[in-house]
């Protein structure tokens, strides 16, 4: 038999102890609060939580319902333009349509204009990652190594700026609002800047450094479905051009649902519109560029106000009401069980 090596400590040697240090933390002797759950404390928690959630939920629902909003679907009203756009060979042809509507009451306060899309899925994984954040920061990167494919380069090797499926599918309808006052037609002044998040505008998006924006994008080409290059998105305001264009930034923040709306413009409160939009007849003049028929989509334009809780979205209020109702109902069920068991004297004293 083979000799086994002894692992026992030799005479005079001490084996290191594996016991934790004699401290309150390692010996688990720290002071702790051990609540004694009684029927009174449990029921109080359920009813207080229920009352709080119900109160907050009702306030949120009432606030959301107080938002003034008008929504107009122009998919069918611009059907001629829609048919023209479905043919890809007509991509460079302009098509305009008008939609009339009436405001029966004044919309006071700040008025926001949104465009809405229905049945447009932006939550597909390949679509969501189809972008180059380094390129959008104005860096000189090799987009071939990004997730932008197949919207990276043209056959001649010219890189796209910006690359990716999100940028290529950017909403590009142009919407203008006109106020029909007696025999006069007044264009409603709209603000196209200041609509994106501050962090997006100042942190996540940057133009390439150059003395001239057009030279900064030299050697690149616009995405296939765009009508003009990225440095001409806003030819009137150099500060709202390129990657820091508000419309582009808002579109690049994809939606989690197939039906969504994005902020497009804000009504500038001057002259007749200092207090908001007065009641009367209005007309939307739309330059129709974004096709939706092939994926059975719909397009809307929305005029809305906002309140302290946000826009016209009652979801959060309904969630609070449901949670409060569930907590209150649970409290009543526990109370009924407690009274029933108390009658039968089935409680045991520990």
Foldseek 3Di string as FASTA:
>chain_A
DDDDDDPDDDPPDDDDDPQDDPDCVSVVNDDDDDDDDDLVVLLVVLQVLLVVLQVVLVVLQVQLVVKDKDKDWCCVVQVVVLVQQVPVVNLQPWDKGKDKDFFPFFDFDKKFKKKKKAQADCQDPLQLQQFDLCVQAQDDDQCVPGSQPPFAADPVRQGAVGGHDLLLQQDDKDKWKWFCDPPDIHTFDWAQPPQDDPCLLPPRGDHHDDPDSVVSCPSHHHTPSDPDGQQVPPVPDNSQTHSNNRSSSQSSPDDNDRIDMTTGIIGDLDDPQVGHGGTHMMMMMMTDNRHDVVSPMIMMMMMIDADPVGHNDSPSSVVSNVSSVVSNVVSVVSVVVVVVCVVVVPDDDD
